[in-house]
Amino acid sequence: PGRLTVLPLQGDLDSGASRRSYRSTLRAAAAAVDGV
């Protein structure tokens, strides 16, 4: 198996987030901290 391209999310629906958007939203959260 290769690396997941869509990461599964919790919930009743069959939902997921793309690897790229997952990484970019976490990077935005880290960059939003004062001093970074």
PDB file of all heavy atoms in Angstrom:
ATOM      1  N   PRO A   1       0.831  -1.204   0.000  1.00  0.00           N
ATOM      2  CA  PRO A   1       0.000   0.000   0.000  1.00  0.00           C
ATOM      3  C   PRO A   1       0.868   1.256   0.000  1.00  0.00           C
ATOM      4  O   PRO A   1       1.924   1.300   0.625  1.00  0.00           O
ATOM      5  CB  PRO A   1      -0.789  -0.113   1.308  1.00  0.00           C
ATOM      6  CG  PRO A   1       0.068  -0.953   2.180  1.00  0.00           C
ATOM      7  CD  PRO A   1       0.804  -1.894   1.274  1.00  0.00           C
ATOM      8  N   GLY A   2       0.419   2.248  -0.702  1.00  0.00           N
ATOM      9  CA  GLY A   2       1.123   3.524  -0.715  1.00  0.00           C
ATOM     10  C   GLY A   2       0.640   4.418   0.412  1.00  0.00           C
ATOM     11  O   GLY A   2      -0.222   4.048   1.220  1.00  0.00           O
ATOM     12  N   ARG A   3       1.193   5.603   0.462  1.00  0.00           N
ATOM     13  CA  ARG A   3       0.787   6.574   1.476  1.00  0.00           C
ATOM     14  C   ARG A   3      -0.625   7.060   1.146  1.00  0.00           C
ATOM     15  O   ARG A   3      -0.981   7.251  -0.009  1.00  0.00           O
ATOM     16  CB  ARG A   3       1.763   7.748   1.443  1.00  0.00           C
ATOM     17  CG  ARG A   3       1.547   8.697   2.573  1.00  0.00           C
ATOM     18  CD  ARG A   3       2.410   9.912   2.520  1.00  0.00           C
ATOM     19  NE  ARG A   3       3.770   9.666   2.090  1.00  0.00           N
ATOM     20  CZ  ARG A   3       4.624  10.612   1.791  1.00  0.00           C
ATOM     21  NH1 ARG A   3       4.251  11.862   1.832  1.00  0.00           N
ATOM     22  NH2 ARG A   3       5.838  10.333   1.408  1.00  0.00           N
ATOM     23  N   LEU A   4      -1.427   7.247   2.181  1.00  0.00           N
ATOM     24  CA  LEU A   4      -2.796   7.716   1.977  1.00  0.00           C
ATOM     25  C   LEU A   4      -2.794   9.088   1.318  1.00  0.00           C
ATOM     26  O   LEU A   4      -2.038   9.971   1.701  1.00  0.00           O
ATOM     27  CB  LEU A   4      -3.532   7.814   3.316  1.00  0.00           C
ATOM     28  CG  LEU A   4      -3.840   6.513   4.037  1.00  0.00           C
ATOM     29  CD1 LEU A   4      -4.412   6.814   5.405  1.00  0.00           C
ATOM     30  CD2 LEU A   4      -4.790   5.675   3.251  1.00  0.00           C
ATOM     31  N   THR A   5      -3.642   9.264   0.294  1.00  0.00           N
ATOM     32  CA  THR A   5      -3.778  10.579  -0.325  1.00  0.00           C
ATOM     33  C   THR A   5      -4.916  11.358   0.316  1.00  0.00           C
ATOM     34  O   THR A   5      -4.909  12.580   0.292  1.00  0.00           O
ATOM     35  CB  THR A   5      -4.032  10.458  -1.837  1.00  0.00           C
ATOM     36  OG1 THR A   5      -5.188   9.669  -2.059  1.00  0.00           O
ATOM     37  CG2 THR A   5      -2.841   9.839  -2.532  1.00  0.00           C
ATOM     38  N   VAL A   6      -5.884  10.643   0.866  1.00  0.00           N
ATOM     39  CA  VAL A   6      -6.986  11.270   1.600  1.00  0.00           C
ATOM     40  C   VAL A   6      -6.992  10.673   3.005  1.00  0.00           C
ATOM     41  O   VAL A   6      -7.113   9.469   3.172  1.00  0.00           O
ATOM     42  CB  VAL A   6      -8.344  11.037   0.907  1.00  0.00           C
ATOM     43  CG1 VAL A   6      -9.473  11.591   1.742  1.00  0.00           C
ATOM     44  CG2 VAL A   6      -8.353  11.654  -0.473  1.00  0.00           C
ATOM     45  N   LEU A   7      -6.811  11.531   4.000  1.00  0.00           N
ATOM     46  CA  LEU A   7      -6.758  11.077   5.377  1.00  0.00           C
ATOM     47  C   LEU A   7      -8.169  11.039   5.960  1.00  0.00           C
ATOM     48  O   LEU A   7      -8.914  12.016   5.845  1.00  0.00           O
ATOM     49  CB  LEU A   7      -5.865  12.009   6.183  1.00  0.00           C
ATOM     50  CG  LEU A   7      -4.435  12.115   5.653  1.00  0.00           C
ATOM     51  CD1 LEU A   7      -3.700  13.241   6.337  1.00  0.00           C
ATOM     52  CD2 LEU A   7      -3.711  10.817   5.836  1.00  0.00           C
ATOM     53  N   PRO A   8      -8.554   9.931   6.586  1.00  0.00           N
ATOM     54  CA  PRO A   8      -9.921   9.802   7.095  1.00  0.00           C
ATOM     55  C   PRO A   8     -10.166  10.702   8.302  1.00  0.00           C
ATOM     56  O   PRO A   8      -9.281  10.938   9.116  1.00  0.00           O
ATOM     57  CB  PRO A   8     -10.027   8.327   7.470  1.00  0.00           C
ATOM     58  CG  PRO A   8      -8.629   7.894   7.717  1.00  0.00           C
ATOM     59  CD  PRO A   8      -7.758   8.725   6.821  1.00  0.00           C
ATOM     60  N   LEU A   9     -11.412  11.195   8.397  1.00  0.00           N
ATOM     61  CA  LEU A   9     -11.836  12.041   9.505  1.00  0.00           C
ATOM     62  C   LEU A   9     -12.895  11.304  10.313  1.00  0.00           C
ATOM     63  O   LEU A   9     -13.560  10.392   9.823  1.00  0.00           O
ATOM     64  CB  LEU A   9     -12.404  13.363   8.990  1.00  0.00           C
ATOM     65  CG  LEU A   9     -11.463  14.210   8.136  1.00  0.00           C
ATOM     66  CD1 LEU A   9     -12.187  15.446   7.643  1.00  0.00           C
ATOM     67  CD2 LEU A   9     -10.225  14.585   8.913  1.00  0.00           C
ATOM     68  N   GLN A  10     -13.071  11.723  11.583  1.00  0.00           N
ATOM     69  CA  GLN A  10     -14.106  11.155  12.438  1.00  0.00           C
ATOM     70  C   GLN A  10     -15.473  11.603  11.931  1.00  0.00           C
ATOM     71  O   GLN A  10     -15.603  12.563  11.196  1.00  0.00           O
ATOM     72  CB  GLN A  10     -13.947  11.645  13.882  1.00  0.00           C
ATOM     73  CG  GLN A  10     -12.744  11.129  14.589  1.00  0.00           C
ATOM     74  CD  GLN A  10     -12.882   9.675  15.023  1.00  0.00           C
ATOM     75  OE1 GLN A  10     -13.955   9.090  14.949  1.00  0.00           O
ATOM     76  NE2 GLN A  10     -11.782   9.115  15.462  1.00  0.00           N
ATOM     77  N   GLY A  11     -16.472  10.905  12.368  1.00  0.00           N
ATOM     78  CA  GLY A  11     -17.832  11.326  12.047  1.00  0.00           C
ATOM     79  C   GLY A  11     -18.631  10.203  11.427  1.00  0.00           C
ATOM     80  O   GLY A  11     -18.121   9.138  11.110  1.00  0.00           O
ATOM     81  N   ASP A  12     -19.926  10.481  11.251  1.00  0.00           N
ATOM     82  CA  ASP A  12     -20.827   9.483  10.686  1.00  0.00           C
ATOM     83  C   ASP A  12     -20.632   9.339   9.181  1.00  0.00           C
ATOM     84  O   ASP A  12     -20.843   8.282   8.628  1.00  0.00           O
ATOM     85  CB  ASP A  12     -22.282   9.870  10.978  1.00  0.00           C
ATOM     86  CG  ASP A  12     -22.554   9.888  12.472  1.00  0.00           C
ATOM     87  OD1 ASP A  12     -21.874   9.145  13.198  1.00  0.00           O
ATOM     88  OD2 ASP A  12     -23.434  10.650  12.909  1.00  0.00           O
ATOM     89  N   LEU A  13     -20.273  10.418   8.534  1.00  0.00           N
ATOM     90  CA  LEU A  13     -20.096  10.392   7.090  1.00  0.00           C
ATOM     91  C   LEU A  13     -18.737   9.821   6.716  1.00  0.00           C
ATOM     92  O   LEU A  13     -17.795   9.863   7.497  1.00  0.00           O
ATOM     93  CB  LEU A  13     -20.220  11.799   6.508  1.00  0.00           C
ATOM     94  CG  LEU A  13     -21.549  12.504   6.751  1.00  0.00           C
ATOM     95  CD1 LEU A  13     -21.492  13.917   6.224  1.00  0.00           C
ATOM     96  CD2 LEU A  13     -22.671  11.730   6.072  1.00  0.00           C
ATOM     97  N   ASP A  14     -18.657   9.300   5.516  1.00  0.00           N
ATOM     98  CA  ASP A  14     -17.388   8.821   4.983  1.00  0.00           C
ATOM     99  C   ASP A  14     -16.645  10.028   4.431  1.00  0.00           C
ATOM    100  O   ASP A  14     -16.804  10.393   3.276  1.00  0.00           O
ATOM    101  CB  ASP A  14     -17.658   7.783   3.894  1.00  0.00           C
ATOM    102  CG  ASP A  14     -16.402   7.040   3.490  1.00  0.00           C
ATOM    103  OD1 ASP A  14     -15.455   7.016   4.292  1.00  0.00           O
ATOM    104  OD2 ASP A  14     -16.383   6.488   2.385  1.00  0.00           O
ATOM    105  N   SER A  15     -15.869  10.678   5.296  1.00  0.00           N
ATOM    106  CA  SER A  15     -15.235  11.931   4.892  1.00  0.00           C
ATOM    107  C   SER A  15     -13.734  11.853   5.087  1.00  0.00           C
ATOM    108  O   SER A  15     -13.227  11.018   5.829  1.00  0.00           O
ATOM    109  CB  SER A  15     -15.797  13.093   5.722  1.00  0.00           C
ATOM    110  OG  SER A  15     -15.542  12.873   7.088  1.00  0.00           O
ATOM    111  N   GLY A  16     -13.034  12.760   4.399  1.00  0.00           N
ATOM    112  CA  GLY A  16     -11.589  12.791   4.504  1.00  0.00           C
ATOM    113  C   GLY A  16     -11.052  14.139   4.094  1.00  0.00           C
ATOM    114  O   GLY A  16     -11.756  14.970   3.525  1.00  0.00           O
ATOM    115  N   ALA A  17      -9.791  14.344   4.383  1.00  0.00           N
ATOM    116  CA  ALA A  17      -9.095  15.576   4.016  1.00  0.00           C
ATOM    117  C   ALA A  17      -7.876  15.191   3.196  1.00  0.00           C
ATOM    118  O   ALA A  17      -7.184  14.228   3.519  1.00  0.00           O
ATOM    119  CB  ALA A  17      -8.668  16.351   5.259  1.00  0.00           C
ATOM    120  N   SER A  18      -7.620  15.949   2.156  1.00  0.00           N
ATOM    121  CA  SER A  18      -6.446  15.640   1.343  1.00  0.00           C
ATOM    122  C   SER A  18      -5.186  15.913   2.146  1.00  0.00           C
ATOM    123  O   SER A  18      -5.158  16.763   3.037  1.00  0.00           O
ATOM    124  CB  SER A  18      -6.449  16.463   0.059  1.00  0.00           C
ATOM    125  OG  SER A  18      -6.142  17.806   0.340  1.00  0.00           O
ATOM    126  N   ARG A  19      -4.158  15.188   1.839  1.00  0.00           N
ATOM    127  CA  ARG A  19      -2.886  15.309   2.542  1.00  0.00           C
ATOM    128  C   ARG A  19      -2.343  16.723   2.440  1.00  0.00           C
ATOM    129  O   ARG A  19      -1.820  17.275   3.402  1.00  0.00           O
ATOM    130  CB  ARG A  19      -1.917  14.313   1.909  1.00  0.00           C
ATOM    131  CG  ARG A  19      -0.691  14.053   2.685  1.00  0.00           C
ATOM    132  CD  ARG A  19       0.064  12.939   2.011  1.00  0.00           C
ATOM    133  NE  ARG A  19       0.654  11.879   2.715  1.00  0.00           N
ATOM    134  CZ  ARG A  19       0.532  11.501   3.966  1.00  0.00           C
ATOM    135  NH1 ARG A  19      -0.248  12.145   4.755  1.00  0.00           N
ATOM    136  NH2 ARG A  19       1.179  10.511   4.483  1.00  0.00           N
ATOM    137  N   ARG A  20      -2.487  17.323   1.288  1.00  0.00           N
ATOM    138  CA  ARG A  20      -1.974  18.674   1.055  1.00  0.00           C
ATOM    139  C   ARG A  20      -2.718  19.708   1.894  1.00  0.00           C
ATOM    140  O   ARG A  20      -2.110  20.582   2.523  1.00  0.00           O
ATOM    141  CB  ARG A  20      -2.098  18.992  -0.428  1.00  0.00           C
ATOM    142  CG  ARG A  20      -1.498  20.284  -0.822  1.00  0.00           C
ATOM    143  CD  ARG A  20      -1.588  20.459  -2.318  1.00  0.00           C
ATOM    144  NE  ARG A  20      -0.938  21.669  -2.744  1.00  0.00           N
ATOM    145  CZ  ARG A  20      -0.848  22.061  -3.973  1.00  0.00           C
ATOM    146  NH1 ARG A  20      -1.351  21.322  -4.927  1.00  0.00           N
ATOM    147  NH2 ARG A  20      -0.252  23.181  -4.281  1.00  0.00           N
ATOM    148  N   SER A  21      -4.042  19.633   1.923  1.00  0.00           N
ATOM    149  CA  SER A  21      -4.802  20.614   2.699  1.00  0.00           C
ATOM    150  C   SER A  21      -4.605  20.402   4.200  1.00  0.00           C
ATOM    151  O   SER A  21      -4.556  21.356   4.969  1.00  0.00           O
ATOM    152  CB  SER A  21      -6.286  20.554   2.338  1.00  0.00           C
ATOM    153  OG  SER A  21      -6.841  19.311   2.700  1.00  0.00           O
ATOM    154  N   TYR A  22      -4.478  19.153   4.612  1.00  0.00           N
ATOM    155  CA  TYR A  22      -4.223  18.811   6.017  1.00  0.00           C
ATOM    156  C   TYR A  22      -2.908  19.447   6.473  1.00  0.00           C
ATOM    157  O   TYR A  22      -2.835  20.100   7.513  1.00  0.00           O
ATOM    158  CB  TYR A  22      -4.164  17.284   6.096  1.00  0.00           C
ATOM    159  CG  TYR A  22      -4.235  16.664   7.473  1.00  0.00           C
ATOM    160  CD1 TYR A  22      -5.434  16.582   8.153  1.00  0.00           C
ATOM    161  CD2 TYR A  22      -3.111  16.110   8.053  1.00  0.00           C
ATOM    162  CE1 TYR A  22      -5.510  15.977   9.396  1.00  0.00           C
ATOM    163  CE2 TYR A  22      -3.175  15.495   9.286  1.00  0.00           C
ATOM    164  CZ  TYR A  22      -4.385  15.433   9.952  1.00  0.00           C
ATOM    165  OH  TYR A  22      -4.449  14.828  11.174  1.00  0.00           O
ATOM    166  N   ARG A  23      -1.865  19.277   5.648  1.00  0.00           N
ATOM    167  CA  ARG A  23      -0.557  19.827   5.977  1.00  0.00           C
ATOM    168  C   ARG A  23      -0.572  21.352   5.960  1.00  0.00           C
ATOM    169  O   ARG A  23      -0.021  22.007   6.839  1.00  0.00           O
ATOM    170  CB  ARG A  23       0.490  19.298   4.996  1.00  0.00           C
ATOM    171  CG  ARG A  23       1.901  19.703   5.321  1.00  0.00           C
ATOM    172  CD  ARG A  23       2.931  19.086   4.391  1.00  0.00           C
ATOM    173  NE  ARG A  23       2.627  19.315   2.995  1.00  0.00           N
ATOM    174  CZ  ARG A  23       2.420  18.360   2.099  1.00  0.00           C
ATOM    175  NH1 ARG A  23       2.477  17.108   2.458  1.00  0.00           N
ATOM    176  NH2 ARG A  23       2.153  18.657   0.846  1.00  0.00           N
ATOM    177  N   SER A  24      -1.245  21.948   4.980  1.00  0.00           N
ATOM    178  CA  SER A  24      -1.237  23.414   4.884  1.00  0.00           C
ATOM    179  C   SER A  24      -2.033  24.067   6.010  1.00  0.00           C
ATOM    180  O   SER A  24      -1.655  25.132   6.504  1.00  0.00           O
ATOM    181  CB  SER A  24      -1.764  23.872   3.524  1.00  0.00           C
ATOM    182  OG  SER A  24      -3.111  23.527   3.367  1.00  0.00           O
ATOM    183  N   THR A  25      -3.108  23.442   6.468  1.00  0.00           N
ATOM    184  CA  THR A  25      -3.865  24.038   7.573  1.00  0.00           C
ATOM    185  C   THR A  25      -3.098  23.922   8.894  1.00  0.00           C
ATOM    186  O   THR A  25      -3.153  24.830   9.724  1.00  0.00           O
ATOM    187  CB  THR A  25      -5.277  23.429   7.693  1.00  0.00           C
ATOM    188  OG1 THR A  25      -6.043  24.213   8.587  1.00  0.00           O
ATOM    189  CG2 THR A  25      -5.260  22.008   8.163  1.00  0.00           C
ATOM    190  N   LEU A  26      -2.346  22.832   9.061  1.00  0.00           N
ATOM    191  CA  LEU A  26      -1.514  22.716  10.257  1.00  0.00           C
ATOM    192  C   LEU A  26      -0.334  23.695  10.204  1.00  0.00           C
ATOM    193  O   LEU A  26       0.054  24.269  11.220  1.00  0.00           O
ATOM    194  CB  LEU A  26      -1.010  21.284  10.433  1.00  0.00           C
ATOM    195  CG  LEU A  26      -2.082  20.230  10.736  1.00  0.00           C
ATOM    196  CD1 LEU A  26      -1.463  18.854  10.828  1.00  0.00           C
ATOM    197  CD2 LEU A  26      -2.867  20.574  11.971  1.00  0.00           C
ATOM    198  N   ARG A  27       0.213  23.910   9.025  1.00  0.00           N
ATOM    199  CA  ARG A  27       1.298  24.883   8.876  1.00  0.00           C
ATOM    200  C   ARG A  27       0.790  26.293   9.151  1.00  0.00           C
ATOM    201  O   ARG A  27       1.462  27.095   9.805  1.00  0.00           O
ATOM    202  CB  ARG A  27       1.890  24.801   7.470  1.00  0.00           C
ATOM    203  CG  ARG A  27       3.076  25.731   7.269  1.00  0.00           C
ATOM    204  CD  ARG A  27       3.714  25.593   5.906  1.00  0.00           C
ATOM    205  NE  ARG A  27       2.753  25.780   4.833  1.00  0.00           N
ATOM    206  CZ  ARG A  27       2.505  24.885   3.886  1.00  0.00           C
ATOM    207  NH1 ARG A  27       3.146  23.753   3.847  1.00  0.00           N
ATOM    208  NH2 ARG A  27       1.608  25.136   2.946  1.00  0.00           N
ATOM    209  N   ALA A  28      -0.421  26.606   8.699  1.00  0.00           N
ATOM    210  CA  ALA A  28      -1.003  27.927   8.969  1.00  0.00           C
ATOM    211  C   ALA A  28      -1.247  28.122  10.454  1.00  0.00           C
ATOM    212  O   ALA A  28      -1.043  29.224  10.983  1.00  0.00           O
ATOM    213  CB  ALA A  28      -2.306  28.093   8.190  1.00  0.00           C
ATOM    214  N   ALA A  29      -1.665  27.069  11.143  1.00  0.00           N
ATOM    215  CA  ALA A  29      -1.874  27.174  12.592  1.00  0.00           C
ATOM    216  C   ALA A  29      -0.562  27.421  13.317  1.00  0.00           C
ATOM    217  O   ALA A  29      -0.497  28.224  14.253  1.00  0.00           O
ATOM    218  CB  ALA A  29      -2.531  25.895  13.117  1.00  0.00           C
ATOM    219  N   ALA A  30       0.507  26.750  12.878  1.00  0.00           N
ATOM    220  CA  ALA A  30       1.810  26.946  13.521  1.00  0.00           C
ATOM    221  C   ALA A  30       2.358  28.337  13.220  1.00  0.00           C
ATOM    222  O   ALA A  30       2.949  28.984  14.090  1.00  0.00           O
ATOM    223  CB  ALA A  30       2.791  25.881  13.042  1.00  0.00           C
ATOM    224  N   ALA A  31       2.159  28.821  12.002  1.00  0.00           N
ATOM    225  CA  ALA A  31       2.685  30.135  11.615  1.00  0.00           C
ATOM    226  C   ALA A  31       1.912  31.271  12.264  1.00  0.00           C
ATOM    227  O   ALA A  31       2.419  32.393  12.346  1.00  0.00           O
ATOM    228  CB  ALA A  31       2.657  30.282  10.101  1.00  0.00           C
ATOM    229  N   ALA A  32       0.685  31.010  12.724  1.00  0.00           N
ATOM    230  CA  ALA A  32      -0.135  32.058  13.329  1.00  0.00           C
ATOM    231  C   ALA A  32       0.270  32.363  14.771  1.00  0.00           C
ATOM    232  O   ALA A  32      -0.177  33.355  15.338  1.00  0.00           O
ATOM    233  CB  ALA A  32      -1.611  31.654  13.286  1.00  0.00           C
ATOM    234  N   VAL A  33       1.123  31.532  15.354  1.00  0.00           N
ATOM    235  CA  VAL A  33       1.567  31.760  16.732  1.00  0.00           C
ATOM    236  C   VAL A  33       2.478  32.989  16.756  1.00  0.00           C
ATOM    237  O   VAL A  33       3.324  33.170  15.877  1.00  0.00           O
ATOM    238  CB  VAL A  33       2.302  30.515  17.272  1.00  0.00           C
ATOM    239  CG1 VAL A  33       2.891  30.780  18.645  1.00  0.00           C
ATOM    240  CG2 VAL A  33       1.356  29.334  17.329  1.00  0.00           C
ATOM    241  N   ASP A  34       2.288  33.821  17.776  1.00  0.00           N
ATOM    242  CA  ASP A  34       3.077  35.040  17.902  1.00  0.00           C
ATOM    243  C   ASP A  34       4.556  34.700  18.089  1.00  0.00           C
ATOM    244  O   ASP A  34       4.906  33.914  18.958  1.00  0.00           O
ATOM    245  CB  ASP A  34       2.571  35.859  19.098  1.00  0.00           C
ATOM    246  CG  ASP A  34       3.252  37.211  19.184  1.00  0.00           C
ATOM    247  OD1 ASP A  34       3.522  37.812  18.119  1.00  0.00           O
ATOM    248  OD2 ASP A  34       3.518  37.659  20.319  1.00  0.00           O
ATOM    249  N   GLY A  35       5.394  35.284  17.250  1.00  0.00           N
ATOM    250  CA  GLY A  35       6.825  35.060  17.336  1.00  0.00           C
ATOM    251  C   GLY A  35       7.353  34.102  16.289  1.00  0.00           C
ATOM    252  O   GLY A  35       8.560  33.996  16.114  1.00  0.00           O
ATOM    253  N   VAL A  36       6.485  33.404  15.583  1.00  0.00           N
ATOM    254  CA  VAL A  36       6.918  32.465  14.547  1.00  0.00           C
ATOM    255  C   VAL A  36       7.002  33.213  13.228  1.00  0.00           C
ATOM    256  O   VAL A  36       6.029  33.818  12.779  1.00  0.00           O
ATOM    257  CB  VAL A  36       5.940  31.275  14.433  1.00  0.00           C
ATOM    258  CG1 VAL A  36       6.302  30.398  13.255  1.00  0.00           C
ATOM    259  CG2 VAL A  36       5.927  30.485  15.716  1.00  0.00           C
TER     260      VAL A  36
END
